[in-house]
PDB file of all heavy atoms in Angstrom:
ATOM      1  N   VAL A   1      28.686 -27.586 -74.861  1.00  0.00           N
ATOM      2  CA  VAL A   1      28.715 -28.033 -73.463  1.00  0.00           C
ATOM      3  C   VAL A   1      27.557 -27.405 -72.685  1.00  0.00           C
ATOM      4  O   VAL A   1      26.905 -28.068 -71.868  1.00  0.00           O
ATOM      5  CB  VAL A   1      30.072 -27.677 -72.821  1.00  0.00           C
ATOM      6  CG1 VAL A   1      30.048 -27.955 -71.315  1.00  0.00           C
ATOM      7  CG2 VAL A   1      31.203 -28.467 -73.480  1.00  0.00           C
ATOM      8  N   ILE A   2      27.274 -26.122 -72.942  1.00  0.00           N
ATOM      9  CA  ILE A   2      26.158 -25.457 -72.252  1.00  0.00           C
ATOM     10  C   ILE A   2      24.842 -26.124 -72.621  1.00  0.00           C
ATOM     11  O   ILE A   2      23.998 -26.402 -71.743  1.00  0.00           O
ATOM     12  CB  ILE A   2      26.125 -23.954 -72.605  1.00  0.00           C
ATOM     13  CG1 ILE A   2      27.322 -23.245 -71.961  1.00  0.00           C
ATOM     14  CG2 ILE A   2      24.814 -23.319 -72.145  1.00  0.00           C
ATOM     15  CD1 ILE A   2      27.451 -21.796 -72.372  1.00  0.00           C
ATOM     16  N   ALA A   3      24.669 -26.405 -73.905  1.00  0.00           N
ATOM     17  CA  ALA A   3      23.424 -27.051 -74.342  1.00  0.00           C
ATOM     18  C   ALA A   3      23.289 -28.436 -73.728  1.00  0.00           C
ATOM     19  O   ALA A   3      22.193 -28.858 -73.342  1.00  0.00           O
ATOM     20  CB  ALA A   3      23.396 -27.145 -75.869  1.00  0.00           C
ATOM     21  N   PHE A   4      24.427 -29.148 -73.613  1.00  0.00           N
ATOM     22  CA  PHE A   4      24.409 -30.481 -73.024  1.00  0.00           C
ATOM     23  C   PHE A   4      23.985 -30.428 -71.558  1.00  0.00           C
ATOM     24  O   PHE A   4      23.176 -31.231 -71.082  1.00  0.00           O
ATOM     25  CB  PHE A   4      25.810 -31.092 -73.161  1.00  0.00           C
ATOM     26  CG  PHE A   4      25.967 -32.428 -72.503  1.00  0.00           C
ATOM     27  CD1 PHE A   4      25.462 -33.568 -73.087  1.00  0.00           C
ATOM     28  CD2 PHE A   4      26.651 -32.550 -71.295  1.00  0.00           C
ATOM     29  CE1 PHE A   4      25.623 -34.805 -72.479  1.00  0.00           C
ATOM     30  CE2 PHE A   4      26.816 -33.772 -70.679  1.00  0.00           C
ATOM     31  CZ  PHE A   4      26.303 -34.912 -71.280  1.00  0.00           C
ATOM     32  N   LEU A   5      24.531 -29.442 -70.809  1.00  0.00           N
ATOM     33  CA  LEU A   5      24.219 -29.335 -69.391  1.00  0.00           C
ATOM     34  C   LEU A   5      22.815 -28.787 -69.150  1.00  0.00           C
ATOM     35  O   LEU A   5      22.177 -29.109 -68.142  1.00  0.00           O
ATOM     36  CB  LEU A   5      25.236 -28.430 -68.692  1.00  0.00           C
ATOM     37  CG  LEU A   5      26.666 -28.968 -68.578  1.00  0.00           C
ATOM     38  CD1 LEU A   5      27.566 -27.910 -67.966  1.00  0.00           C
ATOM     39  CD2 LEU A   5      26.697 -30.240 -67.736  1.00  0.00           C
ATOM     40  N   ASP A   6      22.333 -27.946 -70.042  1.00  0.00           N
ATOM     41  CA  ASP A   6      21.076 -27.239 -69.816  1.00  0.00           C
ATOM     42  C   ASP A   6      19.860 -28.007 -70.300  1.00  0.00           C
ATOM     43  O   ASP A   6      18.730 -27.593 -70.065  1.00  0.00           O
ATOM     44  CB  ASP A   6      21.108 -25.878 -70.517  1.00  0.00           C
ATOM     45  CG  ASP A   6      20.195 -24.876 -69.825  1.00  0.00           C
ATOM     46  OD1 ASP A   6      20.002 -25.005 -68.600  1.00  0.00           O
ATOM     47  OD2 ASP A   6      19.685 -23.979 -70.516  1.00  0.00           O
ATOM     48  N   SER A   7      20.116 -29.128 -71.006  1.00  0.00           N
ATOM     49  CA  SER A   7      18.973 -29.909 -71.488  1.00  0.00           C
ATOM     50  C   SER A   7      18.482 -30.824 -70.373  1.00  0.00           C
ATOM     51  O   SER A   7      19.259 -31.219 -69.505  1.00  0.00           O
ATOM     52  CB  SER A   7      19.373 -30.739 -72.708  1.00  0.00           C
ATOM     53  OG  SER A   7      20.442 -31.601 -72.382  1.00  0.00           O
ATOM     54  N   PRO A   8      17.207 -31.189 -70.373  1.00  0.00           N
ATOM     55  CA  PRO A   8      16.669 -32.042 -69.295  1.00  0.00           C
ATOM     56  C   PRO A   8      17.262 -33.440 -69.341  1.00  0.00           C
ATOM     57  O   PRO A   8      17.587 -33.945 -70.410  1.00  0.00           O
ATOM     58  CB  PRO A   8      15.169 -32.065 -69.587  1.00  0.00           C
ATOM     59  CG  PRO A   8      15.040 -31.712 -71.023  1.00  0.00           C
ATOM     60  CD  PRO A   8      16.170 -30.790 -71.330  1.00  0.00           C
ATOM     61  N   PRO A   9      17.471 -34.059 -68.190  1.00  0.00           N
ATOM     62  CA  PRO A   9      18.020 -35.418 -68.151  1.00  0.00           C
ATOM     63  C   PRO A   9      17.125 -36.390 -68.903  1.00  0.00           C
ATOM     64  O   PRO A   9      15.900 -36.271 -68.906  1.00  0.00           O
ATOM     65  CB  PRO A   9      18.061 -35.751 -66.659  1.00  0.00           C
ATOM     66  CG  PRO A   9      17.981 -34.439 -65.961  1.00  0.00           C
ATOM     67  CD  PRO A   9      17.179 -33.538 -66.851  1.00  0.00           C
ATOM     68  N   VAL A  10      17.762 -37.339 -69.550  1.00  0.00           N
ATOM     69  CA  VAL A  10      17.033 -38.370 -70.290  1.00  0.00           C
ATOM     70  C   VAL A  10      17.597 -39.715 -69.874  1.00  0.00           C
ATOM     71  O   VAL A  10      18.807 -39.883 -69.761  1.00  0.00           O
ATOM     72  CB  VAL A  10      17.191 -38.189 -71.820  1.00  0.00           C
ATOM     73  CG1 VAL A  10      16.503 -39.320 -72.563  1.00  0.00           C
ATOM     74  CG2 VAL A  10      16.634 -36.846 -72.257  1.00  0.00           C
ATOM     75  N   ASP A  11      16.732 -40.680 -69.626  1.00  0.00           N
ATOM     76  CA  ASP A  11      17.201 -42.007 -69.258  1.00  0.00           C
ATOM     77  C   ASP A  11      17.711 -42.711 -70.515  1.00  0.00           C
ATOM     78  O   ASP A  11      16.949 -43.028 -71.416  1.00  0.00           O
ATOM     79  CB  ASP A  11      16.057 -42.812 -68.644  1.00  0.00           C
ATOM     80  CG  ASP A  11      16.546 -44.169 -68.135  1.00  0.00           C
ATOM     81  OD1 ASP A  11      17.761 -44.418 -68.234  1.00  0.00           O
ATOM     82  OD2 ASP A  11      15.704 -44.944 -67.669  1.00  0.00           O
ATOM     83  N   THR A  12      18.989 -42.935 -70.554  1.00  0.00           N
ATOM     84  CA  THR A  12      19.594 -43.547 -71.748  1.00  0.00           C
ATOM     85  C   THR A  12      20.105 -44.945 -71.462  1.00  0.00           C
ATOM     86  O   THR A  12      20.947 -45.463 -72.176  1.00  0.00           O
ATOM     87  CB  THR A  12      20.752 -42.670 -72.252  1.00  0.00           C
ATOM     88  OG1 THR A  12      21.698 -42.531 -71.201  1.00  0.00           O
ATOM     89  CG2 THR A  12      20.269 -41.317 -72.695  1.00  0.00           C
ATOM     90  N   GLY A  13      19.635 -45.519 -70.396  1.00  0.00           N
ATOM     91  CA  GLY A  13      20.034 -46.893 -70.105  1.00  0.00           C
ATOM     92  C   GLY A  13      21.447 -47.026 -69.603  1.00  0.00           C
ATOM     93  O   GLY A  13      22.217 -47.812 -70.128  1.00  0.00           O
ATOM     94  N   GLY A  14      21.797 -46.238 -68.615  1.00  0.00           N
ATOM     95  CA  GLY A  14      23.111 -46.390 -67.992  1.00  0.00           C
ATOM     96  C   GLY A  14      24.087 -45.287 -68.276  1.00  0.00           C
ATOM     97  O   GLY A  14      25.216 -45.335 -67.806  1.00  0.00           O
ATOM     98  N   ASN A  15      23.701 -44.260 -69.044  1.00  0.00           N
ATOM     99  CA  ASN A  15      24.609 -43.145 -69.302  1.00  0.00           C
ATOM    100  C   ASN A  15      24.688 -42.292 -68.050  1.00  0.00           C
ATOM    101  O   ASN A  15      23.731 -41.615 -67.679  1.00  0.00           O
ATOM    102  CB  ASN A  15      24.109 -42.308 -70.487  1.00  0.00           C
ATOM    103  CG  ASN A  15      25.128 -41.252 -70.883  1.00  0.00           C
ATOM    104  OD1 ASN A  15      25.649 -40.543 -70.045  1.00  0.00           O
ATOM    105  ND2 ASN A  15      25.371 -41.155 -72.188  1.00  0.00           N
ATOM    106  N   VAL A  16      25.863 -42.342 -67.389  1.00  0.00           N
ATOM    107  CA  VAL A  16      26.035 -41.661 -66.112  1.00  0.00           C
ATOM    108  C   VAL A  16      25.819 -40.164 -66.263  1.00  0.00           C
ATOM    109  O   VAL A  16      25.172 -39.510 -65.439  1.00  0.00           O
ATOM    110  CB  VAL A  16      27.435 -41.960 -65.541  1.00  0.00           C
ATOM    111  CG1 VAL A  16      27.667 -41.156 -64.265  1.00  0.00           C
ATOM    112  CG2 VAL A  16      27.587 -43.443 -65.273  1.00  0.00           C
ATOM    113  N   ALA A  17      26.386 -39.579 -67.324  1.00  0.00           N
ATOM    114  CA  ALA A  17      26.301 -38.136 -67.500  1.00  0.00           C
ATOM    115  C   ALA A  17      24.863 -37.673 -67.641  1.00  0.00           C
ATOM    116  O   ALA A  17      24.471 -36.636 -67.105  1.00  0.00           O
ATOM    117  CB  ALA A  17      27.103 -37.719 -68.731  1.00  0.00           C
ATOM    118  N   GLN A  18      24.053 -38.433 -68.342  1.00  0.00           N
ATOM    119  CA  GLN A  18      22.656 -38.039 -68.518  1.00  0.00           C
ATOM    120  C   GLN A  18      21.906 -38.094 -67.193  1.00  0.00           C
ATOM    121  O   GLN A  18      21.014 -37.288 -66.942  1.00  0.00           O
ATOM    122  CB  GLN A  18      21.991 -38.982 -69.540  1.00  0.00           C
ATOM    123  CG  GLN A  18      22.480 -38.802 -70.975  1.00  0.00           C
ATOM    124  CD  GLN A  18      21.852 -37.592 -71.633  1.00  0.00           C
ATOM    125  OE1 GLN A  18      20.984 -36.947 -71.056  1.00  0.00           O
ATOM    126  NE2 GLN A  18      22.320 -37.249 -72.824  1.00  0.00           N
ATOM    127  N   ALA A  19      22.299 -39.011 -66.344  1.00  0.00           N
ATOM    128  CA  ALA A  19      21.557 -39.187 -65.096  1.00  0.00           C
ATOM    129  C   ALA A  19      21.942 -38.170 -64.027  1.00  0.00           C
ATOM    130  O   ALA A  19      21.228 -38.022 -63.044  1.00  0.00           O
ATOM    131  CB  ALA A  19      21.806 -40.602 -64.564  1.00  0.00           C
ATOM    132  N   LEU A  20      23.072 -37.462 -64.183  1.00  0.00           N
ATOM    133  CA  LEU A  20      23.566 -36.587 -63.129  1.00  0.00           C
ATOM    134  C   LEU A  20      23.590 -35.124 -63.524  1.00  0.00           C
ATOM    135  O   LEU A  20      24.408 -34.364 -63.039  1.00  0.00           O
ATOM    136  CB  LEU A  20      24.982 -37.029 -62.716  1.00  0.00           C
ATOM    137  CG  LEU A  20      25.115 -38.417 -62.090  1.00  0.00           C
ATOM    138  CD1 LEU A  20      26.574 -38.740 -61.836  1.00  0.00           C
ATOM    139  CD2 LEU A  20      24.332 -38.491 -60.781  1.00  0.00           C
ATOM    140  N   ARG A  21      22.752 -34.675 -64.441  1.00  0.00           N
ATOM    141  CA  ARG A  21      22.837 -33.304 -64.926  1.00  0.00           C
ATOM    142  C   ARG A  21      21.808 -32.395 -64.277  1.00  0.00           C
ATOM    143  O   ARG A  21      20.619 -32.519 -64.514  1.00  0.00           O
ATOM    144  CB  ARG A  21      22.637 -33.261 -66.437  1.00  0.00           C
ATOM    145  CG  ARG A  21      23.831 -33.789 -67.197  1.00  0.00           C
ATOM    146  CD  ARG A  21      23.645 -33.605 -68.664  1.00  0.00           C
ATOM    147  NE  ARG A  21      22.302 -34.017 -69.057  1.00  0.00           N
ATOM    148  CZ  ARG A  21      21.864 -34.005 -70.303  1.00  0.00           C
ATOM    149  NH1 ARG A  21      22.637 -33.577 -71.257  1.00  0.00           N
ATOM    150  NH2 ARG A  21      20.644 -34.383 -70.590  1.00  0.00           N
ATOM    151  N   PRO A  22      22.240 -31.436 -63.451  1.00  0.00           N
ATOM    152  CA  PRO A  22      21.327 -30.401 -62.970  1.00  0.00           C
ATOM    153  C   PRO A  22      21.213 -29.303 -64.019  1.00  0.00           C
ATOM    154  O   PRO A  22      21.984 -29.255 -64.971  1.00  0.00           O
ATOM    155  CB  PRO A  22      22.030 -29.887 -61.710  1.00  0.00           C
ATOM    156  CG  PRO A  22      23.484 -30.079 -62.012  1.00  0.00           C
ATOM    157  CD  PRO A  22      23.581 -31.301 -62.854  1.00  0.00           C
ATOM    158  N   ARG A  23      20.247 -28.394 -63.837  1.00  0.00           N
ATOM    159  CA  ARG A  23      20.099 -27.265 -64.758  1.00  0.00           C
ATOM    160  C   ARG A  23      21.157 -26.219 -64.446  1.00  0.00           C
ATOM    161  O   ARG A  23      21.592 -26.058 -63.315  1.00  0.00           O
ATOM    162  CB  ARG A  23      18.690 -26.662 -64.623  1.00  0.00           C
ATOM    163  CG  ARG A  23      17.572 -27.650 -64.932  1.00  0.00           C
ATOM    164  CD  ARG A  23      17.627 -28.076 -66.381  1.00  0.00           C
ATOM    165  NE  ARG A  23      17.310 -26.989 -67.278  1.00  0.00           N
ATOM    166  CZ  ARG A  23      16.078 -26.734 -67.747  1.00  0.00           C
ATOM    167  NH1 ARG A  23      15.085 -27.515 -67.413  1.00  0.00           N
ATOM    168  NH2 ARG A  23      15.873 -25.723 -68.573  1.00  0.00           N
ATOM    169  N   LEU A  24      21.601 -25.465 -65.479  1.00  0.00           N
ATOM    170  CA  LEU A  24      22.625 -24.442 -65.312  1.00  0.00           C
ATOM    171  C   LEU A  24      22.037 -23.147 -64.784  1.00  0.00           C
ATOM    172  O   LEU A  24      20.907 -22.799 -65.093  1.00  0.00           O
ATOM    173  CB  LEU A  24      23.303 -24.151 -66.660  1.00  0.00           C
ATOM    174  CG  LEU A  24      24.426 -25.095 -67.106  1.00  0.00           C
ATOM    175  CD1 LEU A  24      24.929 -24.640 -68.455  1.00  0.00           C
ATOM    176  CD2 LEU A  24      25.551 -25.103 -66.094  1.00  0.00           C
ATOM    177  N   GLY A  25      22.909 -22.391 -64.059  1.00  0.00           N
ATOM    178  CA  GLY A  25      22.508 -21.070 -63.629  1.00  0.00           C
ATOM    179  C   GLY A  25      22.906 -20.032 -64.663  1.00  0.00           C
ATOM    180  O   GLY A  25      23.890 -20.192 -65.393  1.00  0.00           O
ATOM    181  N   ALA A  26      22.163 -18.899 -64.717  1.00  0.00           N
ATOM    182  CA  ALA A  26      22.428 -17.857 -65.712  1.00  0.00           C
ATOM    183  C   ALA A  26      23.778 -17.202 -65.478  1.00  0.00           C
ATOM    184  O   ALA A  26      24.470 -16.818 -66.434  1.00  0.00           O
ATOM    185  CB  ALA A  26      21.310 -16.810 -65.665  1.00  0.00           C
ATOM    186  N   ASP A  27      24.201 -17.058 -64.196  1.00  0.00           N
ATOM    187  CA  ASP A  27      25.478 -16.410 -63.907  1.00  0.00           C
ATOM    188  C   ASP A  27      26.647 -17.200 -64.484  1.00  0.00           C
ATOM    189  O   ASP A  27      27.595 -16.621 -65.044  1.00  0.00           O
ATOM    190  CB  ASP A  27      25.661 -16.258 -62.394  1.00  0.00           C
ATOM    191  CG  ASP A  27      24.691 -15.245 -61.805  1.00  0.00           C
ATOM    192  OD1 ASP A  27      24.138 -14.452 -62.590  1.00  0.00           O
ATOM    193  OD2 ASP A  27      24.512 -15.250 -60.567  1.00  0.00           O
ATOM    194  N   ALA A  28      26.588 -18.506 -64.346  1.00  0.00           N
ATOM    195  CA  ALA A  28      27.672 -19.347 -64.865  1.00  0.00           C
ATOM    196  C   ALA A  28      27.758 -19.249 -66.385  1.00  0.00           C
ATOM    197  O   ALA A  28      28.846 -19.194 -66.959  1.00  0.00           O
ATOM    198  CB  ALA A  28      27.468 -20.802 -64.433  1.00  0.00           C
ATOM    199  N   VAL A  29      26.593 -19.211 -67.022  1.00  0.00           N
ATOM    200  CA  VAL A  29      26.559 -19.115 -68.489  1.00  0.00           C
ATOM    201  C   VAL A  29      27.153 -17.783 -68.943  1.00  0.00           C
ATOM    202  O   VAL A  29      27.952 -17.720 -69.886  1.00  0.00           O
ATOM    203  CB  VAL A  29      25.127 -19.283 -69.018  1.00  0.00           C
ATOM    204  CG1 VAL A  29      25.072 -18.989 -70.522  1.00  0.00           C
ATOM    205  CG2 VAL A  29      24.610 -20.686 -68.730  1.00  0.00           C
ATOM    206  N   ARG A  30      26.756 -16.674 -68.273  1.00  0.00           N
ATOM    207  CA  ARG A  30      27.291 -15.363 -68.643  1.00  0.00           C
ATOM    208  C   ARG A  30      28.805 -15.310 -68.442  1.00  0.00           C
ATOM    209  O   ARG A  30      29.537 -14.772 -69.261  1.00  0.00           O
ATOM    210  CB  ARG A  30      26.605 -14.264 -67.818  1.00  0.00           C
ATOM    211  CG  ARG A  30      25.241 -13.864 -68.344  1.00  0.00           C
ATOM    212  CD  ARG A  30      24.781 -12.561 -67.713  1.00  0.00           C
ATOM    213  NE  ARG A  30      24.626 -12.679 -66.263  1.00  0.00           N
ATOM    214  CZ  ARG A  30      23.484 -13.040 -65.667  1.00  0.00           C
ATOM    215  NH1 ARG A  30      22.407 -13.302 -66.401  1.00  0.00           N
ATOM    216  NH2 ARG A  30      23.416 -13.119 -64.349  1.00  0.00           N
ATOM    217  N   GLU A  31      29.257 -15.873 -67.334  1.00  0.00           N
ATOM    218  CA  GLU A  31      30.690 -15.817 -67.039  1.00  0.00           C
ATOM    219  C   GLU A  31      31.504 -16.621 -68.048  1.00  0.00           C
ATOM    220  O   GLU A  31      32.540 -16.161 -68.540  1.00  0.00           O
ATOM    221  CB  GLU A  31      30.956 -16.337 -65.621  1.00  0.00           C
ATOM    222  CG  GLU A  31      32.422 -16.176 -65.198  1.00  0.00           C
ATOM    223  CD  GLU A  31      32.686 -16.684 -63.785  1.00  0.00           C
ATOM    224  OE1 GLU A  31      31.711 -17.120 -63.108  1.00  0.00           O
ATOM    225  OE2 GLU A  31      33.866 -16.657 -63.369  1.00  0.00           O
ATOM    226  N   ILE A  32      31.041 -17.814 -68.368  1.00  0.00           N
ATOM    227  CA  ILE A  32      31.818 -18.643 -69.294  1.00  0.00           C
ATOM    228  C   ILE A  32      31.781 -18.067 -70.705  1.00  0.00           C
ATOM    229  O   ILE A  32      32.761 -18.138 -71.454  1.00  0.00           O
ATOM    230  CB  ILE A  32      31.332 -20.115 -69.271  1.00  0.00           C
ATOM    231  CG1 ILE A  32      32.462 -21.026 -69.788  1.00  0.00           C
ATOM    232  CG2 ILE A  32      30.063 -20.308 -70.090  1.00  0.00           C
ATOM    233  CD1 ILE A  32      32.261 -22.491 -69.500  1.00  0.00           C
TER     234      ILE A  32
END
């Protein structure tokens, strides 16, 4: 899940999740 959120958005032709992903913060990663 971290790798999915932390990777750069890619246009996949309508994939909502790919289009709405911001980069993760280090604090959230450490906490989880």
